[in-house]
Amino acid sequence: MSKVEEFNAYRAKMNEKILAEDNRVLKRFFNLDTNAYQDGALDKKTKELLGLVASMVLRCDDCIAYHLGKCFDLGVSRAQVFEVFAIANLVGGSICIPHTRRAVEFWEALEEENASN
């Protein structure tokens, strides 16, 4: 299983377990998150790029991988994603560098997976 497939499978499995508990607050939070990233005054692509910057500054590798996947699916280019990495490091400081390394690794896994399909 590839890095991307492993991440997506684990996320789906655990989200299913979380939502199966039928906790109203958690379900509402998941719904809010889903709806926040829909097209509005800002398009989905812009919102995902913003989510990626925020995730990098907050240093959440799972969130970074998630937003990278969404950005990839929405047609964000390698050059665009590296500009996002630059902004995140500028805002977040050198503490973001290890997360940038892992983000580049995940982006390359997305590219490799797409090339083999």
N, C-alpha and C. Protein backbone atom coordinates (compact mmCIF):
# COMPACT_ATOMS: atom_id res chain seq x y z
N MET A 1 0.85 -1.18 0.00
CA MET A 1 0.00 0.00 0.00
C MET A 1 0.90 1.24 0.00
N SER A 2 0.57 2.19 -0.84
CA SER A 2 1.37 3.42 -0.93
C SER A 2 1.13 4.31 0.29
N LYS A 3 2.01 5.27 0.46
CA LYS A 3 1.88 6.25 1.55
C LYS A 3 0.52 6.96 1.47
N VAL A 4 0.11 7.33 0.28
CA VAL A 4 -1.16 8.03 0.09
C VAL A 4 -2.33 7.11 0.40
N GLU A 5 -2.29 5.89 -0.13
CA GLU A 5 -3.36 4.93 0.13
C GLU A 5 -3.46 4.60 1.62
N GLU A 6 -2.33 4.44 2.27
CA GLU A 6 -2.30 4.13 3.70
C GLU A 6 -2.93 5.26 4.50
N PHE A 7 -2.55 6.49 4.19
CA PHE A 7 -3.11 7.65 4.89
C PHE A 7 -4.62 7.72 4.69
N ASN A 8 -5.06 7.62 3.44
CA ASN A 8 -6.49 7.74 3.14
C ASN A 8 -7.30 6.60 3.77
N ALA A 9 -6.77 5.38 3.75
CA ALA A 9 -7.48 4.24 4.34
C ALA A 9 -7.62 4.40 5.85
N TYR A 10 -6.53 4.79 6.51
CA TYR A 10 -6.58 4.98 7.97
C TYR A 10 -7.56 6.09 8.33
N ARG A 11 -7.50 7.21 7.61
CA ARG A 11 -8.39 8.34 7.89
C ARG A 11 -9.85 7.93 7.73
N ALA A 12 -10.16 7.24 6.64
CA ALA A 12 -11.53 6.80 6.39
C ALA A 12 -12.01 5.83 7.48
N LYS A 13 -11.16 4.87 7.83
CA LYS A 13 -11.52 3.88 8.86
C LYS A 13 -11.81 4.56 10.20
N MET A 14 -10.95 5.47 10.60
CA MET A 14 -11.11 6.11 11.91
C MET A 14 -12.27 7.10 11.91
N ASN A 15 -12.47 7.82 10.81
CA ASN A 15 -13.62 8.72 10.73
C ASN A 15 -14.92 7.93 10.83
N GLU A 16 -14.95 6.77 10.20
CA GLU A 16 -16.15 5.93 10.28
C GLU A 16 -16.42 5.51 11.72
N LYS A 17 -15.37 5.15 12.45
CA LYS A 17 -15.54 4.76 13.86
C LYS A 17 -16.03 5.95 14.70
N ILE A 18 -15.45 7.11 14.45
CA ILE A 18 -15.83 8.30 15.21
C ILE A 18 -17.31 8.64 14.96
N LEU A 19 -17.69 8.65 13.69
CA LEU A 19 -19.07 9.02 13.34
C LEU A 19 -20.08 7.95 13.75
N ALA A 20 -19.64 6.70 13.86
CA ALA A 20 -20.53 5.61 14.28
C ALA A 20 -20.99 5.77 15.72
N GLU A 21 -20.28 6.54 16.50
CA GLU A 21 -20.67 6.76 17.89
C GLU A 21 -21.88 7.68 18.01
N ASP A 22 -22.25 8.31 16.92
CA ASP A 22 -23.44 9.16 16.87
C ASP A 22 -23.41 10.30 17.89
N ASN A 23 -22.22 10.87 18.07
CA ASN A 23 -22.08 12.02 18.95
C ASN A 23 -22.45 13.28 18.17
N ARG A 24 -23.48 13.96 18.61
CA ARG A 24 -24.02 15.11 17.89
C ARG A 24 -22.97 16.20 17.69
N VAL A 25 -22.18 16.50 18.70
CA VAL A 25 -21.18 17.57 18.59
C VAL A 25 -20.12 17.21 17.55
N LEU A 26 -19.61 15.96 17.61
CA LEU A 26 -18.61 15.55 16.63
C LEU A 26 -19.18 15.55 15.21
N LYS A 27 -20.40 15.06 15.06
CA LYS A 27 -21.02 15.06 13.73
C LYS A 27 -21.20 16.48 13.20
N ARG A 28 -21.59 17.38 14.07
CA ARG A 28 -21.77 18.77 13.64
C ARG A 28 -20.43 19.41 13.27
N PHE A 29 -19.39 19.07 14.03
CA PHE A 29 -18.06 19.61 13.73
C PHE A 29 -17.59 19.10 12.36
N PHE A 30 -17.74 17.79 12.11
CA PHE A 30 -17.36 17.22 10.81
C PHE A 30 -18.15 17.89 9.69
N ASN A 31 -19.44 18.12 9.91
CA ASN A 31 -20.29 18.76 8.92
C ASN A 31 -19.83 20.21 8.67
N LEU A 32 -19.53 20.92 9.73
CA LEU A 32 -19.05 22.29 9.61
C LEU A 32 -17.76 22.33 8.79
N ASP A 33 -16.85 21.42 9.09
CA ASP A 33 -15.59 21.35 8.36
C ASP A 33 -15.84 21.08 6.87
N THR A 34 -16.70 20.13 6.57
CA THR A 34 -17.02 19.80 5.17
C THR A 34 -17.61 21.00 4.46
N ASN A 35 -18.56 21.66 5.08
CA ASN A 35 -19.23 22.79 4.45
C ASN A 35 -18.33 24.02 4.31
N ALA A 36 -17.41 24.20 5.22
CA ALA A 36 -16.52 25.36 5.16
C ALA A 36 -15.66 25.36 3.91
N TYR A 37 -15.35 24.18 3.40
CA TYR A 37 -14.46 24.07 2.24
C TYR A 37 -15.20 24.02 0.91
N GLN A 38 -16.50 24.26 0.90
CA GLN A 38 -17.25 24.30 -0.35
C GLN A 38 -17.06 25.67 -1.00
N ASP A 39 -17.33 25.74 -2.30
CA ASP A 39 -17.24 27.02 -3.00
C ASP A 39 -18.15 28.05 -2.34
N GLY A 40 -17.65 29.23 -2.22
CA GLY A 40 -18.40 30.36 -1.67
C GLY A 40 -17.80 31.62 -2.26
N ALA A 41 -17.62 32.64 -1.45
CA ALA A 41 -16.94 33.85 -1.92
C ALA A 41 -15.51 33.49 -2.36
N LEU A 42 -14.93 32.47 -1.71
CA LEU A 42 -13.65 31.90 -2.13
C LEU A 42 -13.93 30.52 -2.72
N ASP A 43 -13.19 30.16 -3.76
CA ASP A 43 -13.39 28.85 -4.35
C ASP A 43 -12.69 27.76 -3.51
N LYS A 44 -13.05 26.50 -3.78
CA LYS A 44 -12.51 25.36 -3.02
C LYS A 44 -10.99 25.33 -3.04
N LYS A 45 -10.41 25.60 -4.20
CA LYS A 45 -8.95 25.55 -4.33
C LYS A 45 -8.28 26.55 -3.39
N THR A 46 -8.79 27.77 -3.36
CA THR A 46 -8.24 28.79 -2.48
C THR A 46 -8.39 28.38 -1.02
N LYS A 47 -9.55 27.85 -0.66
CA LYS A 47 -9.79 27.43 0.72
C LYS A 47 -8.85 26.30 1.13
N GLU A 48 -8.60 25.36 0.22
CA GLU A 48 -7.68 24.27 0.54
C GLU A 48 -6.26 24.78 0.71
N LEU A 49 -5.85 25.75 -0.11
CA LEU A 49 -4.53 26.35 0.04
C LEU A 49 -4.41 27.06 1.39
N LEU A 50 -5.49 27.74 1.80
CA LEU A 50 -5.50 28.39 3.11
C LEU A 50 -5.43 27.34 4.23
N GLY A 51 -6.18 26.26 4.06
CA GLY A 51 -6.15 25.18 5.04
C GLY A 51 -4.76 24.57 5.15
N LEU A 52 -4.07 24.46 4.01
CA LEU A 52 -2.71 23.91 4.01
C LEU A 52 -1.76 24.82 4.77
N VAL A 53 -1.82 26.12 4.52
CA VAL A 53 -0.96 27.06 5.25
C VAL A 53 -1.23 26.98 6.75
N ALA A 54 -2.50 27.01 7.12
CA ALA A 54 -2.85 26.96 8.55
C ALA A 54 -2.35 25.66 9.17
N SER A 55 -2.50 24.55 8.47
CA SER A 55 -2.07 23.25 9.00
C SER A 55 -0.57 23.20 9.18
N MET A 56 0.16 23.81 8.25
CA MET A 56 1.62 23.83 8.37
C MET A 56 2.06 24.70 9.55
N VAL A 57 1.44 25.85 9.68
CA VAL A 57 1.80 26.75 10.79
C VAL A 57 1.42 26.11 12.14
N LEU A 58 0.31 25.37 12.16
CA LEU A 58 -0.11 24.68 13.38
C LEU A 58 0.61 23.35 13.58
N ARG A 59 1.39 22.94 12.58
CA ARG A 59 2.25 21.75 12.63
C ARG A 59 1.46 20.45 12.81
N CYS A 60 0.43 20.29 12.00
CA CYS A 60 -0.39 19.07 12.03
C CYS A 60 -0.13 18.27 10.76
N ASP A 61 0.72 17.25 10.86
CA ASP A 61 1.07 16.47 9.67
C ASP A 61 -0.13 15.78 9.03
N ASP A 62 -1.06 15.27 9.82
CA ASP A 62 -2.26 14.65 9.24
C ASP A 62 -3.06 15.68 8.44
N CYS A 63 -3.22 16.87 8.98
CA CYS A 63 -3.96 17.92 8.28
C CYS A 63 -3.22 18.36 7.02
N ILE A 64 -1.91 18.43 7.10
CA ILE A 64 -1.10 18.80 5.94
C ILE A 64 -1.32 17.78 4.83
N ALA A 65 -1.23 16.50 5.16
CA ALA A 65 -1.42 15.44 4.16
C ALA A 65 -2.82 15.52 3.56
N TYR A 66 -3.81 15.73 4.40
CA TYR A 66 -5.19 15.82 3.92
C TYR A 66 -5.34 16.97 2.91
N HIS A 67 -4.87 18.16 3.30
CA HIS A 67 -5.01 19.32 2.43
C HIS A 67 -4.15 19.18 1.16
N LEU A 68 -3.00 18.55 1.26
CA LEU A 68 -2.20 18.30 0.06
C LEU A 68 -2.97 17.42 -0.91
N GLY A 69 -3.62 16.39 -0.41
CA GLY A 69 -4.41 15.51 -1.26
C GLY A 69 -5.53 16.27 -1.94
N LYS A 70 -6.23 17.10 -1.18
CA LYS A 70 -7.31 17.90 -1.76
C LYS A 70 -6.77 18.89 -2.80
N CYS A 71 -5.66 19.55 -2.47
CA CYS A 71 -5.05 20.49 -3.40
C CYS A 71 -4.65 19.78 -4.69
N PHE A 72 -4.06 18.60 -4.56
CA PHE A 72 -3.66 17.82 -5.73
C PHE A 72 -4.87 17.50 -6.59
N ASP A 73 -5.93 17.03 -5.94
CA ASP A 73 -7.17 16.69 -6.67
C ASP A 73 -7.78 17.90 -7.37
N LEU A 74 -7.57 19.08 -6.81
CA LEU A 74 -8.14 20.30 -7.37
C LEU A 74 -7.23 20.96 -8.41
N GLY A 75 -6.12 20.32 -8.72
CA GLY A 75 -5.25 20.82 -9.78
C GLY A 75 -4.20 21.82 -9.38
N VAL A 76 -3.89 21.91 -8.09
CA VAL A 76 -2.82 22.79 -7.65
C VAL A 76 -1.51 22.25 -8.23
N SER A 77 -0.69 23.13 -8.75
CA SER A 77 0.57 22.72 -9.35
C SER A 77 1.66 22.60 -8.29
N ARG A 78 2.74 21.93 -8.66
CA ARG A 78 3.90 21.81 -7.78
C ARG A 78 4.43 23.20 -7.41
N ALA A 79 4.52 24.08 -8.39
CA ALA A 79 5.01 25.44 -8.13
C ALA A 79 4.10 26.17 -7.14
N GLN A 80 2.80 26.01 -7.29
CA GLN A 80 1.86 26.65 -6.37
C GLN A 80 2.00 26.10 -4.96
N VAL A 81 2.14 24.79 -4.83
CA VAL A 81 2.24 24.21 -3.50
C VAL A 81 3.55 24.64 -2.82
N PHE A 82 4.62 24.82 -3.60
CA PHE A 82 5.87 25.28 -3.00
C PHE A 82 5.77 26.74 -2.58
N GLU A 83 4.95 27.54 -3.26
CA GLU A 83 4.71 28.90 -2.77
C GLU A 83 3.95 28.88 -1.46
N VAL A 84 3.02 27.94 -1.32
CA VAL A 84 2.32 27.77 -0.04
C VAL A 84 3.31 27.39 1.05
N PHE A 85 4.22 26.45 0.74
CA PHE A 85 5.24 26.06 1.72
C PHE A 85 6.07 27.28 2.14
N ALA A 86 6.40 28.14 1.19
CA ALA A 86 7.19 29.32 1.49
C ALA A 86 6.44 30.26 2.44
N ILE A 87 5.17 30.48 2.16
CA ILE A 87 4.37 31.36 3.03
C ILE A 87 4.25 30.75 4.43
N ALA A 88 4.00 29.45 4.49
CA ALA A 88 3.86 28.79 5.79
C ALA A 88 5.14 28.92 6.61
N ASN A 89 6.28 28.76 5.97
CA ASN A 89 7.55 28.89 6.69
C ASN A 89 7.82 30.33 7.09
N LEU A 90 7.43 31.26 6.25
CA LEU A 90 7.58 32.67 6.58
C LEU A 90 6.74 33.02 7.81
N VAL A 91 5.50 32.58 7.80
CA VAL A 91 4.59 32.88 8.91
C VAL A 91 4.93 32.06 10.15
N GLY A 92 5.19 30.78 9.95
CA GLY A 92 5.38 29.87 11.08
C GLY A 92 6.80 29.80 11.62
N GLY A 93 7.77 30.20 10.83
CA GLY A 93 9.16 30.15 11.26
C GLY A 93 9.80 28.80 11.00
N SER A 94 11.03 28.68 11.46
CA SER A 94 11.83 27.49 11.16
C SER A 94 11.25 26.20 11.76
N ILE A 95 10.36 26.31 12.73
CA ILE A 95 9.72 25.13 13.30
C ILE A 95 8.90 24.39 12.25
N CYS A 96 8.55 25.07 11.16
CA CYS A 96 7.76 24.46 10.08
C CYS A 96 8.62 23.64 9.11
N ILE A 97 9.93 23.77 9.18
CA ILE A 97 10.80 23.08 8.21
C ILE A 97 10.62 21.57 8.24
N PRO A 98 10.60 20.90 9.40
CA PRO A 98 10.39 19.45 9.38
C PRO A 98 9.05 19.06 8.76
N HIS A 99 8.04 19.87 8.96
CA HIS A 99 6.72 19.60 8.38
C HIS A 99 6.74 19.83 6.87
N THR A 100 7.56 20.78 6.44
CA THR A 100 7.72 21.01 5.00
C THR A 100 8.40 19.80 4.36
N ARG A 101 9.38 19.23 5.03
CA ARG A 101 10.04 18.03 4.50
C ARG A 101 9.02 16.91 4.29
N ARG A 102 8.20 16.67 5.31
CA ARG A 102 7.20 15.60 5.20
C ARG A 102 6.13 15.96 4.17
N ALA A 103 5.82 17.25 4.05
CA ALA A 103 4.85 17.69 3.05
C ALA A 103 5.38 17.44 1.64
N VAL A 104 6.64 17.73 1.40
CA VAL A 104 7.25 17.47 0.10
C VAL A 104 7.22 15.97 -0.20
N GLU A 105 7.53 15.17 0.80
CA GLU A 105 7.51 13.72 0.64
C GLU A 105 6.10 13.24 0.25
N PHE A 106 5.07 13.77 0.92
CA PHE A 106 3.70 13.37 0.61
C PHE A 106 3.28 13.88 -0.76
N TRP A 107 3.66 15.10 -1.12
CA TRP A 107 3.33 15.64 -2.44
C TRP A 107 3.95 14.76 -3.53
N GLU A 108 5.20 14.36 -3.33
CA GLU A 108 5.86 13.49 -4.30
C GLU A 108 5.16 12.13 -4.39
N ALA A 109 4.65 11.63 -3.28
CA ALA A 109 3.89 10.38 -3.29
C ALA A 109 2.60 10.55 -4.11
N LEU A 110 1.96 11.71 -3.98
CA LEU A 110 0.77 12.01 -4.79
C LEU A 110 1.12 12.04 -6.28
N GLU A 111 2.23 12.68 -6.60
CA GLU A 111 2.66 12.75 -8.00
C GLU A 111 2.97 11.36 -8.55
N GLU A 112 3.68 10.56 -7.76
CA GLU A 112 4.04 9.20 -8.18
C GLU A 112 2.79 8.33 -8.39
N GLU A 113 1.85 8.44 -7.45
CA GLU A 113 0.61 7.66 -7.56
C GLU A 113 -0.15 8.06 -8.82
N ASN A 114 -0.21 9.36 -9.09
CA ASN A 114 -0.91 9.84 -10.27
C ASN A 114 -0.20 9.40 -11.56
N ALA A 115 1.11 9.39 -11.56
CA ALA A 115 1.87 8.98 -12.74
C ALA A 115 1.66 7.50 -13.07
N SER A 116 1.43 6.68 -12.04
CA SER A 116 1.26 5.24 -12.26
C SER A 116 -0.18 4.88 -12.63
N ASN A 117 -1.11 5.84 -12.52
CA ASN A 117 -2.51 5.57 -12.88
C ASN A 117 -2.81 5.90 -14.31
